[in-house]
Amino acid sequence: AILVGMDERVAGAWIGASIDQTGNVIASAAIISDEATEIAGIVKIILNSGLGLLATAVAFWWQSRQLRIRSEEDGSGRAHDKQGFSWIFLYDKFPKFVLGYLISSAVLTLLVVEGTANGDALPLAVKSMSKWWFS
């Protein structure tokens, strides 16, 4: 990205979308700039969250397919076990880390106000922790 003169934000988005592991994304983007690191991290979190939602959609598709196959084999046209939507199945199959992302985002959005002491301290704390964890 540096050799071809790519914009920092574009490079961060490419790195976030193309590298598999989150730690590697942050380390790779940090070579370019802090802004590229932020963009790469955001893109990676969005992709990780989307993957959880996609996995849940595939699990529901699979469940409905299995119910349809069972009912066709039986010849009755009805599924025997669970029919339709199941909240227990959703809870069982849904990746819980997506809830963690959403809860963390909501808490930080509601509790941290920019321009206050806490709001100014949070980015510095996150930056120092990320350098400690990923360096």
N, C-alpha and C. Protein backbone atom coordinates (compact mmCIF):
# COMPACT_ATOMS: atom_id res chain seq x y z
N ALA A 1 0.83 -1.18 0.00
CA ALA A 1 0.00 0.00 0.00
C ALA A 1 0.88 1.26 0.00
N ILE A 2 1.94 1.21 0.77
CA ILE A 2 2.83 2.37 0.82
C ILE A 2 3.55 2.55 -0.51
N LEU A 3 4.00 1.46 -1.12
CA LEU A 3 4.74 1.53 -2.38
C LEU A 3 3.91 2.07 -3.53
N VAL A 4 2.63 1.79 -3.57
CA VAL A 4 1.79 2.25 -4.66
C VAL A 4 1.10 3.58 -4.35
N GLY A 5 1.35 4.13 -3.18
CA GLY A 5 0.79 5.43 -2.82
C GLY A 5 -0.69 5.39 -2.49
N MET A 6 -1.15 4.28 -1.95
CA MET A 6 -2.57 4.14 -1.62
C MET A 6 -2.92 5.03 -0.43
N ASP A 7 -4.11 5.62 -0.48
CA ASP A 7 -4.60 6.43 0.63
C ASP A 7 -4.65 5.58 1.91
N GLU A 8 -4.35 6.18 3.06
CA GLU A 8 -4.30 5.45 4.32
C GLU A 8 -5.64 4.77 4.66
N ARG A 9 -6.73 5.49 4.42
CA ARG A 9 -8.05 4.92 4.73
C ARG A 9 -8.38 3.74 3.83
N VAL A 10 -8.05 3.86 2.56
CA VAL A 10 -8.29 2.76 1.62
C VAL A 10 -7.43 1.56 1.99
N ALA A 11 -6.18 1.82 2.32
CA ALA A 11 -5.27 0.74 2.72
C ALA A 11 -5.80 0.04 3.98
N GLY A 12 -6.29 0.82 4.94
CA GLY A 12 -6.86 0.23 6.15
C GLY A 12 -8.06 -0.65 5.85
N ALA A 13 -8.92 -0.19 4.94
CA ALA A 13 -10.09 -0.99 4.57
C ALA A 13 -9.67 -2.28 3.87
N TRP A 14 -8.70 -2.21 2.98
CA TRP A 14 -8.21 -3.41 2.29
C TRP A 14 -7.59 -4.39 3.28
N ILE A 15 -6.80 -3.88 4.19
CA ILE A 15 -6.16 -4.75 5.18
C ILE A 15 -7.21 -5.40 6.08
N GLY A 16 -8.17 -4.61 6.54
CA GLY A 16 -9.22 -5.15 7.41
C GLY A 16 -10.06 -6.21 6.73
N ALA A 17 -10.26 -6.06 5.43
CA ALA A 17 -11.11 -7.00 4.70
C ALA A 17 -10.36 -8.24 4.22
N SER A 18 -9.05 -8.14 4.07
CA SER A 18 -8.34 -9.24 3.42
C SER A 18 -7.52 -10.12 4.36
N ILE A 19 -7.20 -9.66 5.55
CA ILE A 19 -6.39 -10.46 6.47
C ILE A 19 -7.33 -11.18 7.44
N ASP A 20 -7.03 -12.44 7.70
CA ASP A 20 -7.94 -13.31 8.44
C ASP A 20 -8.03 -12.98 9.93
N GLN A 21 -6.94 -12.87 10.62
CA GLN A 21 -6.95 -12.75 12.08
C GLN A 21 -6.89 -11.27 12.51
N THR A 22 -7.67 -10.93 13.52
CA THR A 22 -7.81 -9.55 13.95
C THR A 22 -6.48 -8.96 14.42
N GLY A 23 -5.70 -9.72 15.17
CA GLY A 23 -4.40 -9.23 15.62
C GLY A 23 -3.47 -8.91 14.46
N ASN A 24 -3.49 -9.76 13.45
CA ASN A 24 -2.67 -9.52 12.26
C ASN A 24 -3.15 -8.30 11.49
N VAL A 25 -4.45 -8.06 11.50
CA VAL A 25 -5.01 -6.88 10.83
C VAL A 25 -4.47 -5.62 11.50
N ILE A 26 -4.55 -5.58 12.83
CA ILE A 26 -4.11 -4.39 13.57
C ILE A 26 -2.61 -4.17 13.39
N ALA A 27 -1.84 -5.23 13.48
CA ALA A 27 -0.38 -5.10 13.34
C ALA A 27 -0.01 -4.63 11.93
N SER A 28 -0.67 -5.17 10.92
CA SER A 28 -0.36 -4.79 9.54
C SER A 28 -0.75 -3.34 9.26
N ALA A 29 -1.91 -2.94 9.73
CA ALA A 29 -2.36 -1.57 9.49
C ALA A 29 -1.53 -0.56 10.27
N ALA A 30 -1.02 -0.96 11.43
CA ALA A 30 -0.20 -0.04 12.24
C ALA A 30 1.08 0.35 11.53
N ILE A 31 1.53 -0.47 10.61
CA ILE A 31 2.72 -0.12 9.83
C ILE A 31 2.46 1.13 9.00
N ILE A 32 1.23 1.29 8.55
CA ILE A 32 0.90 2.42 7.67
C ILE A 32 0.64 3.69 8.48
N SER A 33 -0.36 3.65 9.38
CA SER A 33 -0.67 4.82 10.20
C SER A 33 -1.73 4.47 11.24
N ASP A 34 -1.95 5.41 12.16
CA ASP A 34 -3.00 5.22 13.17
C ASP A 34 -4.38 5.22 12.52
N GLU A 35 -4.56 6.08 11.52
CA GLU A 35 -5.86 6.14 10.84
C GLU A 35 -6.14 4.83 10.10
N ALA A 36 -5.13 4.28 9.44
CA ALA A 36 -5.30 2.99 8.75
C ALA A 36 -5.63 1.89 9.76
N THR A 37 -5.04 1.96 10.93
CA THR A 37 -5.30 0.97 11.98
C THR A 37 -6.76 1.06 12.44
N GLU A 38 -7.27 2.27 12.64
CA GLU A 38 -8.66 2.43 13.06
C GLU A 38 -9.62 1.91 12.00
N ILE A 39 -9.38 2.27 10.74
CA ILE A 39 -10.26 1.82 9.65
C ILE A 39 -10.20 0.31 9.52
N ALA A 40 -9.02 -0.26 9.57
CA ALA A 40 -8.86 -1.72 9.44
C ALA A 40 -9.58 -2.44 10.58
N GLY A 41 -9.47 -1.92 11.78
CA GLY A 41 -10.15 -2.53 12.92
C GLY A 41 -11.67 -2.48 12.78
N ILE A 42 -12.18 -1.35 12.33
CA ILE A 42 -13.62 -1.21 12.13
C ILE A 42 -14.12 -2.18 11.06
N VAL A 43 -13.40 -2.25 9.94
CA VAL A 43 -13.80 -3.17 8.87
C VAL A 43 -13.78 -4.61 9.37
N LYS A 44 -12.75 -4.97 10.12
CA LYS A 44 -12.66 -6.35 10.63
C LYS A 44 -13.79 -6.67 11.59
N ILE A 45 -14.15 -5.75 12.47
CA ILE A 45 -15.25 -5.97 13.40
C ILE A 45 -16.57 -6.14 12.64
N ILE A 46 -16.78 -5.32 11.61
CA ILE A 46 -17.99 -5.45 10.80
C ILE A 46 -18.03 -6.81 10.11
N LEU A 47 -16.91 -7.24 9.55
CA LEU A 47 -16.87 -8.55 8.89
C LEU A 47 -17.09 -9.68 9.89
N ASN A 48 -16.48 -9.59 11.06
CA ASN A 48 -16.68 -10.63 12.08
C ASN A 48 -18.14 -10.70 12.52
N SER A 49 -18.76 -9.55 12.72
CA SER A 49 -20.16 -9.52 13.11
C SER A 49 -21.04 -10.08 12.01
N GLY A 50 -20.76 -9.71 10.78
CA GLY A 50 -21.53 -10.22 9.66
C GLY A 50 -21.39 -11.72 9.50
N LEU A 51 -20.22 -12.23 9.80
CA LEU A 51 -20.01 -13.68 9.72
C LEU A 51 -20.89 -14.40 10.73
N GLY A 52 -21.03 -13.86 11.91
CA GLY A 52 -21.90 -14.46 12.92
C GLY A 52 -23.35 -14.48 12.47
N LEU A 53 -23.80 -13.38 11.87
CA LEU A 53 -25.17 -13.34 11.37
C LEU A 53 -25.37 -14.31 10.21
N LEU A 54 -24.38 -14.40 9.34
CA LEU A 54 -24.47 -15.34 8.22
C LEU A 54 -24.51 -16.79 8.71
N ALA A 55 -23.70 -17.11 9.72
CA ALA A 55 -23.71 -18.46 10.27
C ALA A 55 -25.08 -18.81 10.87
N THR A 56 -25.71 -17.84 11.50
CA THR A 56 -27.04 -18.07 12.06
C THR A 56 -28.06 -18.29 10.94
N ALA A 57 -27.98 -17.50 9.87
CA ALA A 57 -28.89 -17.68 8.74
C ALA A 57 -28.72 -19.05 8.10
N VAL A 58 -27.48 -19.50 7.95
CA VAL A 58 -27.23 -20.83 7.38
C VAL A 58 -27.78 -21.91 8.31
N ALA A 59 -27.65 -21.74 9.62
CA ALA A 59 -28.18 -22.73 10.56
C ALA A 59 -29.69 -22.85 10.44
N PHE A 60 -30.39 -21.71 10.31
CA PHE A 60 -31.84 -21.76 10.12
C PHE A 60 -32.22 -22.41 8.79
N TRP A 61 -31.48 -22.08 7.75
CA TRP A 61 -31.74 -22.71 6.44
C TRP A 61 -31.57 -24.22 6.54
N TRP A 62 -30.51 -24.64 7.21
CA TRP A 62 -30.25 -26.07 7.36
C TRP A 62 -31.37 -26.76 8.15
N GLN A 63 -31.81 -26.11 9.24
CA GLN A 63 -32.88 -26.69 10.04
C GLN A 63 -34.15 -26.83 9.21
N SER A 64 -34.53 -25.81 8.47
CA SER A 64 -35.76 -25.89 7.67
C SER A 64 -35.63 -26.93 6.56
N ARG A 65 -34.44 -27.07 6.00
CA ARG A 65 -34.20 -28.08 4.97
C ARG A 65 -34.35 -29.49 5.55
N GLN A 66 -33.79 -29.71 6.72
CA GLN A 66 -33.89 -31.02 7.36
C GLN A 66 -35.35 -31.36 7.70
N LEU A 67 -36.11 -30.39 8.17
CA LEU A 67 -37.52 -30.62 8.47
C LEU A 67 -38.30 -30.96 7.19
N ARG A 68 -37.97 -30.28 6.10
CA ARG A 68 -38.64 -30.54 4.83
C ARG A 68 -38.30 -31.94 4.31
N ILE A 69 -37.03 -32.34 4.44
CA ILE A 69 -36.61 -33.67 3.98
C ILE A 69 -37.32 -34.75 4.80
N ARG A 70 -37.39 -34.56 6.13
CA ARG A 70 -38.06 -35.55 6.99
C ARG A 70 -39.54 -35.68 6.63
N SER A 71 -40.18 -34.57 6.36
CA SER A 71 -41.61 -34.63 6.05
C SER A 71 -41.84 -35.28 4.68
N GLU A 72 -40.92 -35.09 3.74
CA GLU A 72 -41.05 -35.74 2.43
C GLU A 72 -40.82 -37.24 2.53
N GLU A 73 -39.86 -37.64 3.37
CA GLU A 73 -39.59 -39.06 3.55
C GLU A 73 -40.76 -39.77 4.20
N ASP A 74 -41.42 -39.07 5.10
CA ASP A 74 -42.56 -39.63 5.82
C ASP A 74 -43.79 -39.73 4.90
N GLY A 75 -43.88 -38.81 3.99
CA GLY A 75 -45.02 -38.79 3.09
C GLY A 75 -46.21 -38.04 3.65
N SER A 76 -46.11 -37.57 4.88
CA SER A 76 -47.24 -36.88 5.50
C SER A 76 -47.30 -35.41 5.12
N GLY A 77 -46.17 -34.89 4.67
CA GLY A 77 -46.12 -33.46 4.35
C GLY A 77 -45.95 -32.58 5.57
N ARG A 78 -45.81 -33.19 6.76
CA ARG A 78 -45.63 -32.42 8.00
C ARG A 78 -44.31 -32.81 8.65
N ALA A 79 -43.68 -31.85 9.28
CA ALA A 79 -42.49 -32.13 10.06
C ALA A 79 -42.91 -32.64 11.43
N HIS A 80 -42.18 -33.58 12.00
CA HIS A 80 -42.60 -34.19 13.26
C HIS A 80 -42.08 -33.45 14.48
N ASP A 81 -40.81 -33.04 14.46
CA ASP A 81 -40.22 -32.47 15.67
C ASP A 81 -40.62 -31.01 15.82
N LYS A 82 -39.67 -30.12 15.62
CA LYS A 82 -39.92 -28.70 15.75
C LYS A 82 -40.45 -28.17 14.43
N GLN A 83 -41.41 -27.30 14.50
CA GLN A 83 -41.92 -26.69 13.29
C GLN A 83 -41.64 -25.20 13.35
N GLY A 84 -41.07 -24.68 12.27
CA GLY A 84 -40.86 -23.24 12.16
C GLY A 84 -39.75 -22.71 13.05
N PHE A 85 -39.95 -21.48 13.43
CA PHE A 85 -38.94 -20.71 14.17
C PHE A 85 -38.83 -21.19 15.61
N SER A 86 -37.60 -21.31 16.09
CA SER A 86 -37.37 -21.74 17.46
C SER A 86 -36.37 -20.79 18.13
N TRP A 87 -36.81 -20.11 19.20
CA TRP A 87 -35.91 -19.20 19.92
C TRP A 87 -34.76 -19.96 20.58
N ILE A 88 -35.02 -21.16 21.04
CA ILE A 88 -33.96 -21.96 21.67
C ILE A 88 -32.90 -22.32 20.63
N PHE A 89 -33.36 -22.69 19.44
CA PHE A 89 -32.41 -23.00 18.37
C PHE A 89 -31.59 -21.77 18.02
N LEU A 90 -32.24 -20.61 17.95
CA LEU A 90 -31.52 -19.37 17.66
C LEU A 90 -30.46 -19.10 18.72
N TYR A 91 -30.83 -19.21 19.98
CA TYR A 91 -29.87 -18.97 21.05
C TYR A 91 -28.71 -19.96 21.01
N ASP A 92 -29.01 -21.19 20.70
CA ASP A 92 -27.99 -22.23 20.65
C ASP A 92 -27.01 -22.00 19.50
N LYS A 93 -27.49 -21.60 18.36
CA LYS A 93 -26.65 -21.47 17.17
C LYS A 93 -26.06 -20.09 16.96
N PHE A 94 -26.66 -19.08 17.59
CA PHE A 94 -26.19 -17.71 17.37
C PHE A 94 -24.83 -17.49 18.03
N PRO A 95 -23.84 -16.97 17.30
CA PRO A 95 -22.52 -16.70 17.91
C PRO A 95 -22.62 -15.58 18.94
N LYS A 96 -22.30 -15.89 20.16
CA LYS A 96 -22.47 -14.94 21.26
C LYS A 96 -21.53 -13.74 21.18
N PHE A 97 -20.42 -13.87 20.42
CA PHE A 97 -19.49 -12.73 20.33
C PHE A 97 -20.14 -11.54 19.64
N VAL A 98 -21.12 -11.78 18.77
CA VAL A 98 -21.82 -10.68 18.11
C VAL A 98 -22.58 -9.87 19.16
N LEU A 99 -23.19 -10.54 20.12
CA LEU A 99 -23.86 -9.83 21.21
C LEU A 99 -22.86 -9.01 22.02
N GLY A 100 -21.66 -9.56 22.23
CA GLY A 100 -20.62 -8.83 22.93
C GLY A 100 -20.24 -7.54 22.21
N TYR A 101 -20.09 -7.63 20.89
CA TYR A 101 -19.80 -6.42 20.09
C TYR A 101 -20.91 -5.39 20.25
N LEU A 102 -22.15 -5.84 20.12
CA LEU A 102 -23.27 -4.91 20.19
C LEU A 102 -23.41 -4.28 21.57
N ILE A 103 -23.24 -5.08 22.63
CA ILE A 103 -23.35 -4.55 23.99
C ILE A 103 -22.21 -3.57 24.27
N SER A 104 -21.00 -3.94 23.89
CA SER A 104 -19.86 -3.03 24.10
C SER A 104 -20.05 -1.72 23.35
N SER A 105 -20.50 -1.81 22.13
CA SER A 105 -20.74 -0.60 21.34
C SER A 105 -21.81 0.28 21.98
N ALA A 106 -22.89 -0.34 22.45
CA ALA A 106 -23.96 0.43 23.08
C ALA A 106 -23.49 1.08 24.37
N VAL A 107 -22.75 0.34 25.18
CA VAL A 107 -22.26 0.90 26.45
C VAL A 107 -21.32 2.07 26.18
N LEU A 108 -20.39 1.90 25.26
CA LEU A 108 -19.45 2.99 24.97
C LEU A 108 -20.15 4.19 24.35
N THR A 109 -21.14 3.93 23.51
CA THR A 109 -21.87 5.03 22.89
C THR A 109 -22.67 5.82 23.93
N LEU A 110 -23.29 5.12 24.87
CA LEU A 110 -24.14 5.79 25.85
C LEU A 110 -23.35 6.42 27.00
N LEU A 111 -22.24 5.82 27.41
CA LEU A 111 -21.54 6.28 28.60
C LEU A 111 -20.39 7.23 28.33
N VAL A 112 -19.78 7.13 27.18
CA VAL A 112 -18.60 7.95 26.91
C VAL A 112 -18.99 9.15 26.04
N VAL A 113 -18.82 10.33 26.59
CA VAL A 113 -19.15 11.57 25.89
C VAL A 113 -17.85 12.27 25.52
N GLU A 114 -17.71 12.59 24.23
CA GLU A 114 -16.51 13.30 23.80
C GLU A 114 -16.43 14.67 24.45
N GLY A 115 -15.22 15.09 24.76
CA GLY A 115 -15.01 16.38 25.40
C GLY A 115 -14.98 16.32 26.91
N THR A 116 -15.31 15.15 27.47
CA THR A 116 -15.22 14.98 28.92
C THR A 116 -13.91 14.27 29.24
N ALA A 117 -13.59 14.19 30.51
CA ALA A 117 -12.34 13.53 30.91
C ALA A 117 -12.36 12.06 30.51
N ASN A 118 -13.49 11.37 30.74
CA ASN A 118 -13.59 9.96 30.36
C ASN A 118 -13.53 9.79 28.84
N GLY A 119 -14.20 10.67 28.13
CA GLY A 119 -14.21 10.60 26.67
C GLY A 119 -12.85 10.82 26.07
N ASP A 120 -12.05 11.69 26.68
CA ASP A 120 -10.70 11.94 26.18
C ASP A 120 -9.72 10.84 26.60
N ALA A 121 -9.96 10.21 27.73
CA ALA A 121 -9.05 9.18 28.23
C ALA A 121 -9.24 7.84 27.52
N LEU A 122 -10.44 7.55 27.08
CA LEU A 122 -10.71 6.24 26.47
C LEU A 122 -9.86 5.96 25.23
N PRO A 123 -9.78 6.85 24.24
CA PRO A 123 -8.95 6.54 23.08
C PRO A 123 -7.48 6.31 23.43
N LEU A 124 -6.97 7.05 24.39
CA LEU A 124 -5.58 6.86 24.81
C LEU A 124 -5.39 5.49 25.48
N ALA A 125 -6.36 5.11 26.31
CA ALA A 125 -6.28 3.80 26.97
C ALA A 125 -6.36 2.67 25.96
N VAL A 126 -7.28 2.78 25.01
CA VAL A 126 -7.41 1.74 23.99
C VAL A 126 -6.15 1.66 23.13
N LYS A 127 -5.61 2.80 22.78
CA LYS A 127 -4.39 2.82 21.95
C LYS A 127 -3.22 2.18 22.69
N SER A 128 -3.04 2.50 23.96
CA SER A 128 -1.93 1.92 24.71
C SER A 128 -2.15 0.42 24.93
N MET A 129 -3.39 0.01 25.17
CA MET A 129 -3.66 -1.42 25.33
C MET A 129 -3.44 -2.17 24.04
N SER A 130 -3.85 -1.60 22.90
CA SER A 130 -3.66 -2.30 21.63
C SER A 130 -2.18 -2.43 21.29
N LYS A 131 -1.39 -1.41 21.62
CA LYS A 131 0.05 -1.52 21.38
C LYS A 131 0.68 -2.58 22.29
N TRP A 132 0.18 -2.67 23.53
CA TRP A 132 0.71 -3.65 24.46
C TRP A 132 0.32 -5.07 24.02
N TRP A 133 -0.93 -5.25 23.57
CA TRP A 133 -1.40 -6.58 23.16
C TRP A 133 -0.85 -7.01 21.81
N PHE A 134 -0.72 -6.09 20.87
CA PHE A 134 -0.41 -6.47 19.49
C PHE A 134 1.01 -6.14 19.06
N SER A 135 1.85 -5.66 19.96
CA SER A 135 3.23 -5.35 19.56
C SER A 135 4.18 -6.43 19.99
